[in-house]
Amino acid sequence: MLIERDTKTAFVGQNGQGKSTLAKIMVGDIKHEGELKLGHNVQIGYFAQNQAEYLDGNKTVLDTMIDAANETNRSKVRDILGSFLFRGDEAEKYVRVLSGGERNRLALAKLMLQPFNVLIMDEPTNHLDIKSKNVLKEALKRFEGTLILVSHDRDFLQGLTHTVYEFKDQQIKKYLGDIDYYLEKRNVDSLREVEKRTVIKEVPKEKNQQSYEDQKKIKSLNNKLSNIESKISDLERKIKKIDAELEINYEEVSSKPNFFDDYQKMKSDLQNFMQKWEDIQLEIEKF
């Protein structure tokens, strides 16, 4: 695999196929076999799914940024905060009182202070509301370096990347086009379908080769799978509806009691159900 300078690349496919692992290898987080060669003068910035957990709750938003800045970019702190929707009194809030989406916004703003020319992001939209996601997307559109995005969010990837690597069945395939081109070639409408097609395998038709107990287990697992798929579809519909409402009237919708906590819970539940779906699918494959 060759990632060329200033290219915009997406890593897509089923969880567990190595997308995040490869991202961590690139930034030196984990040991690996084989060869990894960085280009001349490469400076890497990395945003992980749990980046916001490392923020200090006893600092204000502004102090968090000032402490992370250096002499060359300290004067830009207010401008960067403003571009990530922390304006006026918002910058004086303590990190501990921020919502999950706000924490992730701050973590992203803090990342922008680093002097990198290669940016690797692992599922950056997992805990972002629609407004924060749009802010990030606009910031990435202005980024002039090399961008690598691990994501299953089609809307987010549209217009951001021009090369797609699909991770499937322990192999990596390159598609020279954007995310829409990739989905067209795969003849599907969403990345969720790609993830399902990646792992689903037919249960052997030769039932006489399976014990009665195995057949019962497979039937039970398939029932669980269908139940989880229904829950996933339901959550995806609800999140999509809320995102549409946020687009129309962000302030009113987001001001509802416990809105961000409930919104983040739905996103977290969706991730958990997707993981359960994959675990059950792997169990079925063992038969």
Protein backbone atom coordinates (compact mmCIF):
# COMPACT_ATOMS: atom_id res chain seq x y z
CA MET A 1 0.00 0.00 0.00
CA LEU A 2 1.25 3.47 -0.94
CA ILE A 3 -0.33 6.64 0.47
CA GLU A 4 0.96 9.54 -1.60
CA ARG A 5 1.57 13.06 -0.35
CA ASP A 6 -1.51 15.34 -0.14
CA THR A 7 -3.97 12.57 -1.03
CA LYS A 8 -7.31 12.14 0.76
CA THR A 9 -7.99 8.49 1.61
CA ALA A 10 -10.81 6.54 3.27
CA PHE A 11 -10.47 3.19 5.03
CA VAL A 12 -13.83 1.35 4.99
CA GLY A 13 -15.17 -2.15 5.64
CA GLN A 14 -16.21 -4.43 8.45
CA ASN A 15 -14.95 -3.83 11.97
CA GLY A 16 -12.27 -6.27 13.01
CA GLN A 17 -10.57 -6.31 9.61
CA GLY A 18 -7.67 -4.07 10.65
CA LYS A 19 -8.59 -0.49 9.71
CA SER A 20 -7.98 0.98 13.16
CA THR A 21 -5.02 -1.33 13.71
CA LEU A 22 -3.32 -0.07 10.56
CA ALA A 23 -4.00 3.52 11.62
CA LYS A 24 -2.36 2.84 14.99
CA ILE A 25 0.62 1.20 13.29
CA MET A 26 1.06 4.30 11.13
CA VAL A 27 1.24 6.57 14.17
CA GLY A 28 3.49 4.19 16.09
CA ASP A 29 0.96 3.23 18.76
CA ILE A 30 1.41 -0.53 18.41
CA LYS A 31 4.19 -2.88 17.39
CA HIS A 32 3.93 -4.69 14.07
CA GLU A 33 5.62 -7.04 11.66
CA GLY A 34 6.51 -5.99 8.14
CA GLU A 35 7.80 -2.64 6.94
CA LEU A 36 6.36 0.83 7.39
CA LYS A 37 8.22 3.69 5.71
CA LEU A 38 7.32 7.34 6.29
CA GLY A 39 8.09 9.96 3.67
CA HIS A 40 10.50 12.86 4.09
CA ASN A 41 9.52 15.42 6.74
CA VAL A 42 6.26 13.64 7.61
CA GLN A 43 4.59 15.00 10.76
CA ILE A 44 1.55 12.99 11.83
CA GLY A 45 -1.53 14.18 13.69
CA TYR A 46 -3.82 11.47 15.09
CA PHE A 47 -7.39 11.56 16.35
CA ALA A 48 -8.66 8.38 18.05
CA GLN A 49 -12.25 7.51 18.96
CA ASN A 50 -11.57 8.13 22.67
CA GLN A 51 -9.51 11.31 22.26
CA ALA A 52 -11.88 13.42 24.38
CA GLU A 53 -11.27 11.18 27.41
CA TYR A 54 -7.79 12.67 27.79
CA LEU A 55 -9.01 16.24 28.35
CA ASP A 56 -8.52 17.72 31.84
CA GLY A 57 -11.94 18.41 33.38
CA ASN A 58 -10.50 21.00 35.76
CA LYS A 59 -9.41 23.31 32.95
CA THR A 60 -11.57 25.71 30.98
CA VAL A 61 -11.97 25.35 27.22
CA LEU A 62 -9.71 28.36 26.67
CA ASP A 63 -7.03 27.17 29.12
CA THR A 64 -7.01 23.76 27.45
CA MET A 65 -6.18 25.39 24.15
CA ILE A 66 -3.68 27.91 25.50
CA ASP A 67 -1.76 25.18 27.34
CA ALA A 68 -1.59 23.11 24.14
CA ALA A 69 -0.50 26.05 21.96
CA ASN A 70 2.99 27.32 21.28
CA GLU A 71 4.41 30.77 20.56
CA THR A 72 3.63 30.58 16.85
CA ASN A 73 -0.06 29.66 17.13
CA ARG A 74 -1.13 30.96 20.55
CA SER A 75 -2.56 34.08 18.94
CA LYS A 76 -4.83 31.87 16.79
CA VAL A 77 -6.46 30.06 19.75
CA ARG A 78 -9.59 32.24 19.85
CA ASP A 79 -10.05 31.94 16.08
CA ILE A 80 -9.73 28.16 16.18
CA LEU A 81 -12.16 27.92 19.10
CA GLY A 82 -14.62 30.11 17.21
CA SER A 83 -14.42 27.88 14.14
CA PHE A 84 -15.34 24.94 16.40
CA LEU A 85 -18.33 26.83 17.86
CA PHE A 86 -16.71 27.92 21.16
CA ARG A 87 -17.44 31.64 21.06
CA GLY A 88 -17.58 34.25 23.83
CA ASP A 89 -18.54 32.75 27.20
CA GLU A 90 -18.47 29.24 25.73
CA ALA A 91 -14.67 29.38 25.89
CA GLU A 92 -14.79 29.98 29.65
CA LYS A 93 -16.72 26.76 30.40
CA TYR A 94 -14.96 24.07 32.38
CA VAL A 95 -14.32 20.89 30.42
CA ARG A 96 -16.10 18.80 33.06
CA VAL A 97 -19.47 20.45 32.27
CA LEU A 98 -19.23 19.98 28.50
CA SER A 99 -21.48 17.51 26.67
CA GLY A 100 -19.93 14.56 24.86
CA GLY A 101 -20.22 16.34 21.52
CA GLU A 102 -18.63 19.51 22.93
CA ARG A 103 -15.73 17.53 24.39
CA ASN A 104 -15.05 15.95 21.03
CA ARG A 105 -15.24 19.35 19.36
CA LEU A 106 -12.65 20.66 21.83
CA ALA A 107 -10.40 17.64 21.26
CA LEU A 108 -10.57 18.33 17.53
CA ALA A 109 -9.83 22.04 18.04
CA LYS A 110 -6.84 21.10 20.21
CA LEU A 111 -5.59 18.77 17.49
CA MET A 112 -5.56 21.69 15.05
CA LEU A 113 -2.79 23.31 17.11
CA GLN A 114 -0.36 20.52 16.23
CA PRO A 115 2.11 21.13 13.38
CA PHE A 116 1.20 18.11 11.24
CA ASN A 117 1.09 17.57 7.48
CA VAL A 118 -0.47 14.09 7.70
CA LEU A 119 -3.75 13.67 9.59
CA ILE A 120 -5.08 10.22 10.53
CA MET A 121 -8.56 10.07 12.07
CA ASP A 122 -10.21 6.94 13.47
CA GLU A 123 -14.04 7.22 13.42
CA PRO A 124 -13.97 10.96 14.22
CA THR A 125 -17.77 11.38 13.91
CA ASN A 126 -18.79 8.60 16.32
CA HIS A 127 -19.68 10.99 19.15
CA LEU A 128 -20.41 14.17 17.21
CA ASP A 129 -23.81 15.77 16.68
CA ILE A 130 -24.64 16.95 13.15
CA LYS A 131 -23.51 20.54 13.72
CA SER A 132 -20.14 19.48 15.14
CA LYS A 133 -19.75 17.00 12.29
CA ASN A 134 -20.32 19.73 9.72
CA VAL A 135 -17.77 21.97 11.47
CA LEU A 136 -15.18 19.19 11.32
CA LYS A 137 -15.95 18.44 7.68
CA GLU A 138 -15.43 22.07 6.69
CA ALA A 139 -12.13 22.17 8.61
CA LEU A 140 -10.94 19.02 6.82
CA LYS A 141 -11.92 20.44 3.44
CA ARG A 142 -9.51 23.31 4.14
CA PHE A 143 -6.73 20.95 5.27
CA GLU A 144 -3.99 20.93 2.63
CA GLY A 145 -1.98 17.92 3.81
CA THR A 146 -2.43 14.16 3.57
CA LEU A 147 -5.69 12.89 5.08
CA ILE A 148 -6.57 9.32 6.11
CA LEU A 149 -10.07 8.70 7.48
CA VAL A 150 -11.30 5.47 9.08
CA SER A 151 -15.08 5.82 8.90
CA HIS A 152 -18.43 4.18 8.16
CA ASP A 153 -20.18 7.55 7.71
CA ARG A 154 -21.01 8.03 4.02
CA ASP A 155 -22.36 11.57 4.41
CA PHE A 156 -19.20 12.64 6.19
CA LEU A 157 -16.87 11.06 3.63
CA GLN A 158 -18.66 12.60 0.64
CA GLY A 159 -16.48 15.34 -0.81
CA LEU A 160 -13.56 14.60 1.55
CA THR A 161 -11.71 11.63 0.06
CA HIS A 162 -10.71 10.61 -3.44
CA THR A 163 -9.33 7.12 -2.81
CA VAL A 164 -10.99 4.26 -0.91
CA TYR A 165 -9.36 1.19 0.59
CA GLU A 166 -11.80 -1.59 1.43
CA PHE A 167 -10.82 -4.00 4.23
CA LYS A 168 -12.55 -7.31 3.58
CA ASP A 169 -11.82 -10.97 4.37
CA GLN A 170 -8.26 -10.13 5.50
CA GLN A 171 -7.50 -8.43 2.21
CA ILE A 172 -7.30 -4.77 1.15
CA LYS A 173 -8.64 -3.54 -2.18
CA LYS A 174 -8.03 -0.08 -3.61
CA TYR A 175 -10.73 1.95 -5.40
CA LEU A 176 -9.56 5.02 -7.34
CA GLY A 177 -12.56 7.24 -6.69
CA ASP A 178 -14.63 8.87 -3.97
CA ILE A 179 -17.02 7.11 -1.59
CA ASP A 180 -19.93 7.34 -4.06
CA TYR A 181 -17.82 5.74 -6.78
CA TYR A 182 -16.85 2.97 -4.36
CA LEU A 183 -20.46 2.23 -3.38
CA GLU A 184 -21.50 2.26 -7.03
CA LYS A 185 -18.82 -0.31 -7.83
CA ARG A 186 -19.97 -2.44 -4.89
CA ASN A 187 -23.58 -2.00 -6.05
CA VAL A 188 -24.86 -0.92 -2.63
CA ASP A 189 -26.43 2.23 -1.20
CA SER A 190 -24.71 2.45 2.18
CA LEU A 191 -21.56 1.44 4.02
CA ARG A 192 -23.70 -0.57 6.43
CA GLU A 193 -24.60 -2.88 3.54
CA VAL A 194 -20.93 -3.24 2.68
CA GLU A 195 -20.14 -4.21 6.27
CA LYS A 196 -22.88 -6.83 6.26
CA ARG A 197 -21.92 -8.27 2.91
CA THR A 198 -18.34 -8.45 4.10
CA VAL A 199 -19.12 -10.97 6.80
CA ILE A 200 -22.35 -12.76 5.96
CA LYS A 201 -21.82 -16.25 4.65
CA GLU A 202 -24.49 -18.75 3.79
CA VAL A 203 -25.22 -21.42 6.34
CA PRO A 204 -24.30 -24.76 4.72
CA LYS A 205 -27.30 -26.34 3.01
CA GLU A 206 -26.21 -29.87 3.85
CA LYS A 207 -28.15 -30.02 7.08
CA ASN A 208 -27.54 -33.72 7.38
CA GLN A 209 -23.87 -32.91 7.98
CA GLN A 210 -24.79 -30.87 11.06
CA SER A 211 -25.99 -32.25 14.33
CA TYR A 212 -29.48 -31.41 15.53
CA GLU A 213 -27.95 -29.34 18.34
CA ASP A 214 -25.87 -27.34 15.84
CA GLN A 215 -28.94 -26.63 13.75
CA LYS A 216 -30.76 -25.39 16.84
CA LYS A 217 -27.83 -23.13 17.76
CA ILE A 218 -27.67 -21.68 14.23
CA LYS A 219 -31.40 -21.01 14.24
CA SER A 220 -31.14 -19.30 17.63
CA LEU A 221 -28.19 -17.18 16.48
CA ASN A 222 -30.01 -16.16 13.29
CA ASN A 223 -33.01 -15.10 15.37
CA LYS A 224 -30.73 -12.97 17.57
CA LEU A 225 -29.15 -11.52 14.46
CA SER A 226 -32.53 -10.49 13.04
CA ASN A 227 -33.53 -8.94 16.35
CA ILE A 228 -30.32 -6.90 16.53
CA GLU A 229 -30.67 -5.82 12.89
CA SER A 230 -34.13 -4.44 13.71
CA LYS A 231 -32.71 -2.49 16.65
CA ILE A 232 -29.88 -1.14 14.49
CA SER A 233 -32.32 0.01 11.81
CA ASP A 234 -34.55 1.64 14.42
CA LEU A 235 -31.65 3.54 16.00
CA GLU A 236 -30.30 4.63 12.62
CA ARG A 237 -33.74 6.01 11.71
CA LYS A 238 -34.00 7.90 15.01
CA ILE A 239 -30.49 9.37 14.72
CA LYS A 240 -31.13 10.39 11.12
CA LYS A 241 -34.37 12.12 12.14
CA ILE A 242 -32.65 14.01 14.97
CA ASP A 243 -29.80 15.04 12.67
CA ALA A 244 -32.34 16.43 10.20
CA GLU A 245 -34.05 18.39 13.01
CA LEU A 246 -30.68 19.75 14.16
CA GLU A 247 -29.95 20.96 10.64
CA ILE A 248 -33.19 22.97 10.65
CA ASN A 249 -33.17 24.36 14.19
CA TYR A 250 -30.04 23.46 16.14
CA GLU A 251 -30.54 25.80 19.10
CA GLU A 252 -34.12 24.76 19.85
CA VAL A 253 -33.54 21.03 19.44
CA SER A 254 -30.25 20.94 21.38
CA SER A 255 -31.66 22.98 24.28
CA LYS A 256 -34.07 20.22 25.30
CA PRO A 257 -33.32 18.70 28.75
CA ASN A 258 -30.62 16.00 28.59
CA PHE A 259 -30.57 16.24 24.79
CA PHE A 260 -26.84 15.60 24.33
CA ASP A 261 -26.75 12.80 26.90
CA ASP A 262 -29.67 11.04 25.19
CA TYR A 263 -28.18 11.65 21.74
CA GLN A 264 -24.80 10.24 22.73
CA LYS A 265 -26.48 7.24 24.35
CA MET A 266 -28.26 6.43 21.10
CA LYS A 267 -24.98 6.62 19.19
CA SER A 268 -23.26 4.48 21.81
CA ASP A 269 -26.09 1.93 21.73
CA LEU A 270 -25.82 1.77 17.95
CA GLN A 271 -22.09 1.01 18.16
CA ASN A 272 -22.74 -1.67 20.78
CA PHE A 273 -25.43 -3.34 18.66
CA MET A 274 -23.13 -3.28 15.63
CA GLN A 275 -20.45 -5.02 17.69
CA LYS A 276 -22.96 -7.62 18.92
CA TRP A 277 -24.11 -8.16 15.34
CA GLU A 278 -20.53 -8.85 14.26
CA ASP A 279 -19.87 -11.18 17.22
CA ILE A 280 -22.95 -13.26 16.44
CA GLN A 281 -22.05 -13.37 12.75
CA LEU A 282 -18.64 -14.75 13.66
CA GLU A 283 -20.30 -17.42 15.81
CA ILE A 284 -22.48 -18.46 12.87
CA GLU A 285 -19.43 -18.72 10.62
CA LYS A 286 -17.89 -21.29 12.96
CA PHE A 287 -20.56 -23.77 11.91
